[in-house]
Amino acid sequence: MKNIENSGVWVKIGKNMRNKTFLFIDGSNLYGAQFELFGPERYIDFSKFIEALIKNLYVNFDKIYFYASYSPKSKRPTVKEKLFLKNEALFYKSVRNTRNVTFFKGYRSKTSGKEKEVDVKLTADLVSFAFLNKFDTVYLFSGDADFLQALFCIRRYHKSKNINLLCLENKLMYQGLFFFRSYIIVLKSMPQLKRKFKYLTTLRLDMESILRST
């Protein structure tokens, strides 16, 4: 901690007064988007992906929260399913091996196979962390518009919070582009949008530097 003299007043500046930036990631949405782009033979190396985001956004993330669930395995999996599960496992392994990441693992319903707890946990953390003033700036990585109400809640009661959206080129939270500063991450091709958005930026990342083969 250090002291800074300002107009004759000594002010203490400490770590708790530094602008804190958190990244929340809808991991299942991100994984689905990258699989749709690259198929079962390639996957995003998550640590390289984060490094590229930091470099292009000119930001450091104090904490990264990742929310996802593993797909269930059939009793008699097909070759296609085995390839998918292998790709998914490698992607999530790269997430877990990334520094400063908290990985929340949800589960799948045994009857419907649908994901459980993941979206609710992400929403609860996003809103509660804002109300507890754990962050000043937040980035939400998702193409799911269901999270918009959580962001509206934060904006309504904590107007000082800096809210940003991140989406892959093929999974856009289109409605969110109207309300929040948004970044479309382009790895293969630019999305074709029918209109211009005031607070929208496209970031093209070097695809080959962040992809790995299965």
C-alpha atoms as a PDB file:
ATOM      1  CA  MET A   1       0.000   0.000   0.000  1.00  0.00           C
ATOM      2  CA  LYS A   2       1.228   3.516  -0.799  1.00  0.00           C
ATOM      3  CA  ASN A   3       0.203   7.110  -0.091  1.00  0.00           C
ATOM      4  CA  ILE A   4      -0.527   9.696  -2.788  1.00  0.00           C
ATOM      5  CA  GLU A   5      -0.800  13.395  -1.965  1.00  0.00           C
ATOM      6  CA  ASN A   6      -3.764  15.001  -3.712  1.00  0.00           C
ATOM      7  CA  SER A   7      -4.534  18.715  -3.082  1.00  0.00           C
ATOM      8  CA  GLY A   8      -3.035  18.488   0.358  1.00  0.00           C
ATOM      9  CA  VAL A   9      -4.946  15.316   1.291  1.00  0.00           C
ATOM     10  CA  TRP A  10      -3.151  12.008   1.756  1.00  0.00           C
ATOM     11  CA  VAL A  11      -5.078   9.137   0.233  1.00  0.00           C
ATOM     12  CA  LYS A  12      -4.256   5.472   0.825  1.00  0.00           C
ATOM     13  CA  ILE A  13      -4.243   3.351  -2.310  1.00  0.00           C
ATOM     14  CA  GLY A  14      -4.380  -0.420  -1.806  1.00  0.00           C
ATOM     15  CA  LYS A  15      -5.108  -3.563  -3.762  1.00  0.00           C
ATOM     16  CA  ASN A  16      -8.771  -3.477  -2.818  1.00  0.00           C
ATOM     17  CA  MET A  17      -9.149  -0.102  -4.599  1.00  0.00           C
ATOM     18  CA  ARG A  18      -7.818  -1.354  -7.936  1.00  0.00           C
ATOM     19  CA  ASN A  19     -10.306  -1.882 -10.735  1.00  0.00           C
ATOM     20  CA  LYS A  20     -11.102  -5.601 -10.784  1.00  0.00           C
ATOM     21  CA  THR A  21     -12.131  -7.377 -13.954  1.00  0.00           C
ATOM     22  CA  PHE A  22     -13.908 -10.745 -14.007  1.00  0.00           C
ATOM     23  CA  LEU A  23     -14.695 -13.005 -16.948  1.00  0.00           C
ATOM     24  CA  PHE A  24     -17.736 -15.311 -16.793  1.00  0.00           C
ATOM     25  CA  ILE A  25     -17.941 -18.002 -19.470  1.00  0.00           C
ATOM     26  CA  ASP A  26     -20.924 -20.077 -20.504  1.00  0.00           C
ATOM     27  CA  GLY A  27     -18.649 -23.043 -21.146  1.00  0.00           C
ATOM     28  CA  SER A  28     -21.172 -25.367 -22.729  1.00  0.00           C
ATOM     29  CA  ASN A  29     -22.169 -22.625 -25.165  1.00  0.00           C
ATOM     30  CA  LEU A  30     -18.534 -21.904 -26.017  1.00  0.00           C
ATOM     31  CA  TYR A  31     -17.736 -25.574 -26.496  1.00  0.00           C
ATOM     32  CA  GLY A  32     -20.764 -26.095 -28.753  1.00  0.00           C
ATOM     33  CA  ALA A  33     -19.786 -23.098 -30.861  1.00  0.00           C
ATOM     34  CA  GLN A  34     -16.187 -24.196 -31.315  1.00  0.00           C
ATOM     35  CA  PHE A  35     -17.229 -27.764 -32.155  1.00  0.00           C
ATOM     36  CA  GLU A  36     -19.628 -26.411 -34.760  1.00  0.00           C
ATOM     37  CA  LEU A  37     -16.755 -24.433 -36.284  1.00  0.00           C
ATOM     38  CA  PHE A  38     -13.984 -27.035 -36.222  1.00  0.00           C
ATOM     39  CA  GLY A  39     -15.556 -30.465 -35.788  1.00  0.00           C
ATOM     40  CA  PRO A  40     -14.143 -33.429 -33.839  1.00  0.00           C
ATOM     41  CA  GLU A  41     -10.548 -33.298 -35.072  1.00  0.00           C
ATOM     42  CA  ARG A  42      -9.623 -29.871 -33.677  1.00  0.00           C
ATOM     43  CA  TYR A  43     -10.396 -27.922 -30.536  1.00  0.00           C
ATOM     44  CA  ILE A  44      -9.543 -24.583 -28.938  1.00  0.00           C
ATOM     45  CA  ASP A  45      -6.597 -24.600 -26.535  1.00  0.00           C
ATOM     46  CA  PHE A  46      -8.274 -22.581 -23.812  1.00  0.00           C
ATOM     47  CA  SER A  47      -5.137 -21.059 -22.284  1.00  0.00           C
ATOM     48  CA  LYS A  48      -3.990 -19.826 -25.712  1.00  0.00           C
ATOM     49  CA  PHE A  49      -7.489 -18.521 -26.327  1.00  0.00           C
ATOM     50  CA  ILE A  50      -7.439 -16.510 -23.107  1.00  0.00           C
ATOM     51  CA  GLU A  51      -3.979 -15.146 -23.921  1.00  0.00           C
ATOM     52  CA  ALA A  52      -5.290 -13.970 -27.289  1.00  0.00           C
ATOM     53  CA  LEU A  53      -8.318 -12.320 -25.672  1.00  0.00           C
ATOM     54  CA  ILE A  54      -6.140 -10.493 -23.148  1.00  0.00           C
ATOM     55  CA  LYS A  55      -3.844  -9.267 -25.904  1.00  0.00           C
ATOM     56  CA  ASN A  56      -6.648  -8.055 -28.177  1.00  0.00           C
ATOM     57  CA  LEU A  57      -8.900  -6.593 -25.487  1.00  0.00           C
ATOM     58  CA  TYR A  58      -6.003  -4.893 -23.663  1.00  0.00           C
ATOM     59  CA  VAL A  59      -7.303  -6.230 -20.373  1.00  0.00           C
ATOM     60  CA  ASN A  60      -6.214  -8.543 -17.559  1.00  0.00           C
ATOM     61  CA  PHE A  61      -8.774 -10.834 -15.947  1.00  0.00           C
ATOM     62  CA  ASP A  62      -8.470 -11.043 -12.180  1.00  0.00           C
ATOM     63  CA  LYS A  63     -10.692 -14.125 -12.138  1.00  0.00           C
ATOM     64  CA  ILE A  64     -12.176 -16.388 -14.798  1.00  0.00           C
ATOM     65  CA  TYR A  65     -15.308 -18.398 -13.990  1.00  0.00           C
ATOM     66  CA  PHE A  66     -16.191 -21.233 -16.351  1.00  0.00           C
ATOM     67  CA  TYR A  67     -19.506 -23.139 -16.205  1.00  0.00           C
ATOM     68  CA  ALA A  68     -20.168 -26.376 -18.085  1.00  0.00           C
ATOM     69  CA  SER A  69     -21.156 -30.033 -17.880  1.00  0.00           C
ATOM     70  CA  TYR A  70     -19.783 -33.141 -19.554  1.00  0.00           C
ATOM     71  CA  SER A  71     -21.924 -34.957 -22.096  1.00  0.00           C
ATOM     72  CA  PRO A  72     -23.170 -38.399 -20.994  1.00  0.00           C
ATOM     73  CA  LYS A  73     -21.778 -41.507 -22.650  1.00  0.00           C
ATOM     74  CA  SER A  74     -24.121 -44.047 -24.210  1.00  0.00           C
ATOM     75  CA  LYS A  75     -23.912 -47.715 -23.299  1.00  0.00           C
ATOM     76  CA  ARG A  76     -22.963 -48.444 -26.894  1.00  0.00           C
ATOM     77  CA  PRO A  77     -21.400 -45.240 -28.229  1.00  0.00           C
ATOM     78  CA  THR A  78     -21.001 -44.836 -31.974  1.00  0.00           C
ATOM     79  CA  VAL A  79     -17.731 -43.799 -33.582  1.00  0.00           C
ATOM     80  CA  LYS A  80     -19.182 -40.307 -34.028  1.00  0.00           C
ATOM     81  CA  GLU A  81     -20.067 -40.081 -30.339  1.00  0.00           C
ATOM     82  CA  LYS A  82     -16.631 -41.320 -29.263  1.00  0.00           C
ATOM     83  CA  LEU A  83     -14.964 -38.635 -31.373  1.00  0.00           C
ATOM     84  CA  PHE A  84     -17.234 -35.973 -29.879  1.00  0.00           C
ATOM     85  CA  LEU A  85     -16.568 -37.101 -26.290  1.00  0.00           C
ATOM     86  CA  LYS A  86     -12.815 -37.198 -26.881  1.00  0.00           C
ATOM     87  CA  ASN A  87     -12.885 -33.679 -28.320  1.00  0.00           C
ATOM     88  CA  GLU A  88     -15.007 -32.413 -25.428  1.00  0.00           C
ATOM     89  CA  ALA A  89     -12.724 -34.010 -22.830  1.00  0.00           C
ATOM     90  CA  LEU A  90      -9.611 -32.444 -24.374  1.00  0.00           C
ATOM     91  CA  PHE A  91     -11.228 -29.022 -24.525  1.00  0.00           C
ATOM     92  CA  TYR A  92     -12.346 -29.116 -20.887  1.00  0.00           C
ATOM     93  CA  LYS A  93      -8.946 -30.439 -19.830  1.00  0.00           C
ATOM     94  CA  SER A  94      -7.352 -27.377 -21.422  1.00  0.00           C
ATOM     95  CA  VAL A  95      -9.787 -25.206 -19.439  1.00  0.00           C
ATOM     96  CA  ARG A  96      -8.919 -26.891 -16.141  1.00  0.00           C
ATOM     97  CA  ASN A  97      -5.202 -26.490 -16.863  1.00  0.00           C
ATOM     98  CA  THR A  98      -5.537 -22.754 -17.412  1.00  0.00           C
ATOM     99  CA  ARG A  99      -4.293 -20.497 -14.638  1.00  0.00           C
ATOM    100  CA  ASN A 100      -6.793 -18.477 -12.613  1.00  0.00           C
ATOM    101  CA  VAL A 101      -9.856 -20.439 -13.780  1.00  0.00           C
ATOM    102  CA  THR A 102     -12.638 -21.633 -11.481  1.00  0.00           C
ATOM    103  CA  PHE A 103     -14.455 -24.506 -13.210  1.00  0.00           C
ATOM    104  CA  PHE A 104     -18.026 -25.170 -12.093  1.00  0.00           C
ATOM    105  CA  LYS A 105     -19.197 -28.580 -13.303  1.00  0.00           C
ATOM    106  CA  GLY A 106     -22.934 -29.126 -13.581  1.00  0.00           C
ATOM    107  CA  TYR A 107     -24.588 -32.413 -14.482  1.00  0.00           C
ATOM    108  CA  ARG A 108     -26.934 -33.930 -17.054  1.00  0.00           C
ATOM    109  CA  SER A 109     -30.413 -35.257 -16.336  1.00  0.00           C
ATOM    110  CA  LYS A 110     -30.478 -39.061 -16.527  1.00  0.00           C
ATOM    111  CA  THR A 111     -33.894 -38.967 -18.187  1.00  0.00           C
ATOM    112  CA  SER A 112     -33.702 -36.053 -20.615  1.00  0.00           C
ATOM    113  CA  GLY A 113     -29.938 -35.593 -20.933  1.00  0.00           C
ATOM    114  CA  LYS A 114     -30.397 -31.853 -20.477  1.00  0.00           C
ATOM    115  CA  GLU A 115     -27.826 -29.763 -18.645  1.00  0.00           C
ATOM    116  CA  LYS A 116     -28.649 -28.875 -15.037  1.00  0.00           C
ATOM    117  CA  GLU A 117     -27.451 -26.148 -12.615  1.00  0.00           C
ATOM    118  CA  VAL A 118     -24.983 -24.548 -15.043  1.00  0.00           C
ATOM    119  CA  ASP A 119     -26.996 -21.529 -16.234  1.00  0.00           C
ATOM    120  CA  VAL A 120     -28.511 -20.968 -12.800  1.00  0.00           C
ATOM    121  CA  LYS A 121     -25.105 -21.035 -11.099  1.00  0.00           C
ATOM    122  CA  LEU A 122     -23.610 -18.641 -13.651  1.00  0.00           C
ATOM    123  CA  THR A 123     -26.544 -16.226 -13.218  1.00  0.00           C
ATOM    124  CA  ALA A 124     -26.403 -16.403  -9.412  1.00  0.00           C
ATOM    125  CA  ASP A 125     -22.654 -15.761  -9.329  1.00  0.00           C
ATOM    126  CA  LEU A 126     -22.839 -12.955 -11.878  1.00  0.00           C
ATOM    127  CA  VAL A 127     -25.515 -11.045  -9.966  1.00  0.00           C
ATOM    128  CA  SER A 128     -24.316 -11.780  -6.415  1.00  0.00           C
ATOM    129  CA  PHE A 129     -20.691 -10.869  -7.211  1.00  0.00           C
ATOM    130  CA  ALA A 130     -21.909  -7.548  -8.626  1.00  0.00           C
ATOM    131  CA  PHE A 131     -23.960  -6.795  -5.502  1.00  0.00           C
ATOM    132  CA  LEU A 132     -21.002  -7.773  -3.292  1.00  0.00           C
ATOM    133  CA  ASN A 133     -18.772  -5.429  -5.326  1.00  0.00           C
ATOM    134  CA  LYS A 134     -16.298  -8.173  -6.142  1.00  0.00           C
ATOM    135  CA  PHE A 135     -15.717  -6.732  -9.607  1.00  0.00           C
ATOM    136  CA  ASP A 136     -15.829  -3.340 -11.322  1.00  0.00           C
ATOM    137  CA  THR A 137     -15.719  -4.574 -14.905  1.00  0.00           C
ATOM    138  CA  VAL A 138     -17.300  -7.788 -16.142  1.00  0.00           C
ATOM    139  CA  TYR A 139     -17.135  -9.707 -19.405  1.00  0.00           C
ATOM    140  CA  LEU A 140     -19.778 -12.339 -20.117  1.00  0.00           C
ATOM    141  CA  PHE A 141     -18.888 -14.866 -22.821  1.00  0.00           C
ATOM    142  CA  SER A 142     -22.087 -16.431 -24.140  1.00  0.00           C
ATOM    143  CA  GLY A 143     -24.429 -16.463 -27.109  1.00  0.00           C
ATOM    144  CA  ASP A 144     -27.423 -17.221 -24.876  1.00  0.00           C
ATOM    145  CA  ALA A 145     -29.871 -14.319 -24.497  1.00  0.00           C
ATOM    146  CA  ASP A 146     -31.294 -15.908 -21.317  1.00  0.00           C
ATOM    147  CA  PHE A 147     -28.542 -14.110 -19.393  1.00  0.00           C
ATOM    148  CA  LEU A 148     -29.706 -10.655 -20.484  1.00  0.00           C
ATOM    149  CA  GLN A 149     -32.019 -10.206 -17.503  1.00  0.00           C
ATOM    150  CA  ALA A 150     -29.104 -10.756 -15.129  1.00  0.00           C
ATOM    151  CA  LEU A 151     -27.133  -8.053 -16.921  1.00  0.00           C
ATOM    152  CA  PHE A 152     -30.118  -5.683 -16.865  1.00  0.00           C
ATOM    153  CA  CYS A 153     -30.405  -6.278 -13.113  1.00  0.00           C
ATOM    154  CA  ILE A 154     -26.759  -5.346 -12.584  1.00  0.00           C
ATOM    155  CA  ARG A 155     -27.104  -2.235 -14.728  1.00  0.00           C
ATOM    156  CA  ARG A 156     -30.278  -1.161 -12.930  1.00  0.00           C
ATOM    157  CA  TYR A 157     -28.873  -1.366  -9.393  1.00  0.00           C
ATOM    158  CA  HIS A 158     -25.149  -0.902 -10.026  1.00  0.00           C
ATOM    159  CA  LYS A 159     -24.833   1.677 -12.776  1.00  0.00           C
ATOM    160  CA  SER A 160     -21.096   2.041 -12.165  1.00  0.00           C
ATOM    161  CA  LYS A 161     -20.370  -1.517 -13.312  1.00  0.00           C
ATOM    162  CA  ASN A 162     -18.765  -1.789 -16.742  1.00  0.00           C
ATOM    163  CA  ILE A 163     -20.573  -4.616 -18.583  1.00  0.00           C
ATOM    164  CA  ASN A 164     -19.239  -6.265 -21.762  1.00  0.00           C
ATOM    165  CA  LEU A 165     -20.369  -9.163 -23.952  1.00  0.00           C
ATOM    166  CA  LEU A 166     -18.157 -11.660 -25.792  1.00  0.00           C
ATOM    167  CA  CYS A 167     -19.471 -14.066 -28.462  1.00  0.00           C
ATOM    168  CA  LEU A 168     -17.989 -16.387 -31.038  1.00  0.00           C
ATOM    169  CA  GLU A 169     -18.864 -15.596 -34.639  1.00  0.00           C
ATOM    170  CA  ASN A 170     -21.434 -18.395 -34.908  1.00  0.00           C
ATOM    171  CA  LYS A 171     -23.146 -17.978 -31.506  1.00  0.00           C
ATOM    172  CA  LEU A 172     -24.214 -14.358 -31.157  1.00  0.00           C
ATOM    173  CA  MET A 173     -26.317 -12.953 -28.346  1.00  0.00           C
ATOM    174  CA  TYR A 174     -28.011 -10.768 -30.940  1.00  0.00           C
ATOM    175  CA  GLN A 175     -30.343  -8.958 -28.531  1.00  0.00           C
ATOM    176  CA  GLY A 176     -27.441  -8.092 -26.270  1.00  0.00           C
ATOM    177  CA  LEU A 177     -25.724  -6.190 -29.077  1.00  0.00           C
ATOM    178  CA  PHE A 178     -28.358  -3.467 -28.728  1.00  0.00           C
ATOM    179  CA  PHE A 179     -27.697  -2.824 -25.036  1.00  0.00           C
ATOM    180  CA  PHE A 180     -24.079  -3.574 -24.106  1.00  0.00           C
ATOM    181  CA  ARG A 181     -20.592  -3.075 -25.445  1.00  0.00           C
ATOM    182  CA  SER A 182     -20.032  -6.276 -27.397  1.00  0.00           C
ATOM    183  CA  TYR A 183     -17.142  -8.087 -29.027  1.00  0.00           C
ATOM    184  CA  ILE A 184     -17.527 -10.746 -31.706  1.00  0.00           C
ATOM    185  CA  ILE A 185     -14.564 -13.120 -31.719  1.00  0.00           C
ATOM    186  CA  VAL A 186     -13.830 -14.135 -35.309  1.00  0.00           C
ATOM    187  CA  LEU A 187     -11.823 -17.296 -35.959  1.00  0.00           C
ATOM    188  CA  LYS A 188     -12.993 -18.349 -39.416  1.00  0.00           C
ATOM    189  CA  SER A 189     -15.328 -15.856 -41.084  1.00  0.00           C
ATOM    190  CA  MET A 190     -17.043 -12.575 -40.283  1.00  0.00           C
ATOM    191  CA  PRO A 191     -20.741 -12.917 -39.413  1.00  0.00           C
ATOM    192  CA  GLN A 192     -23.155 -11.173 -41.742  1.00  0.00           C
ATOM    193  CA  LEU A 193     -25.180  -8.677 -39.707  1.00  0.00           C
ATOM    194  CA  LYS A 194     -28.139  -6.883 -41.224  1.00  0.00           C
ATOM    195  CA  ARG A 195     -27.466  -3.652 -39.335  1.00  0.00           C
ATOM    196  CA  LYS A 196     -24.711  -1.721 -37.610  1.00  0.00           C
ATOM    197  CA  PHE A 197     -24.394  -1.619 -33.831  1.00  0.00           C
ATOM    198  CA  LYS A 198     -22.952   1.391 -32.046  1.00  0.00           C
ATOM    199  CA  TYR A 199     -21.002  -0.505 -29.400  1.00  0.00           C
ATOM    200  CA  LEU A 200     -19.921  -3.541 -31.420  1.00  0.00           C
ATOM    201  CA  THR A 201     -16.318  -4.505 -32.137  1.00  0.00           C
ATOM    202  CA  THR A 202     -15.057  -7.510 -34.080  1.00  0.00           C
ATOM    203  CA  LEU A 203     -11.800  -9.137 -32.999  1.00  0.00           C
ATOM    204  CA  ARG A 204     -10.109 -11.492 -35.429  1.00  0.00           C
ATOM    205  CA  LEU A 205      -7.844 -13.974 -33.681  1.00  0.00           C
ATOM    206  CA  ASP A 206      -5.115 -16.073 -35.277  1.00  0.00           C
ATOM    207  CA  MET A 207      -6.970 -19.381 -35.533  1.00  0.00           C
ATOM    208  CA  GLU A 208      -3.912 -21.561 -36.038  1.00  0.00           C
ATOM    209  CA  SER A 209      -2.173 -20.299 -32.893  1.00  0.00           C
ATOM    210  CA  ILE A 210      -5.010 -21.390 -30.580  1.00  0.00           C
ATOM    211  CA  LEU A 211      -6.195 -24.644 -32.173  1.00  0.00           C
ATOM    212  CA  ARG A 212      -4.990 -28.132 -31.274  1.00  0.00           C
ATOM    213  CA  SER A 213      -5.539 -31.466 -32.994  1.00  0.00           C
ATOM    214  CA  THR A 214      -7.184 -34.376 -31.228  1.00  0.00           C
END
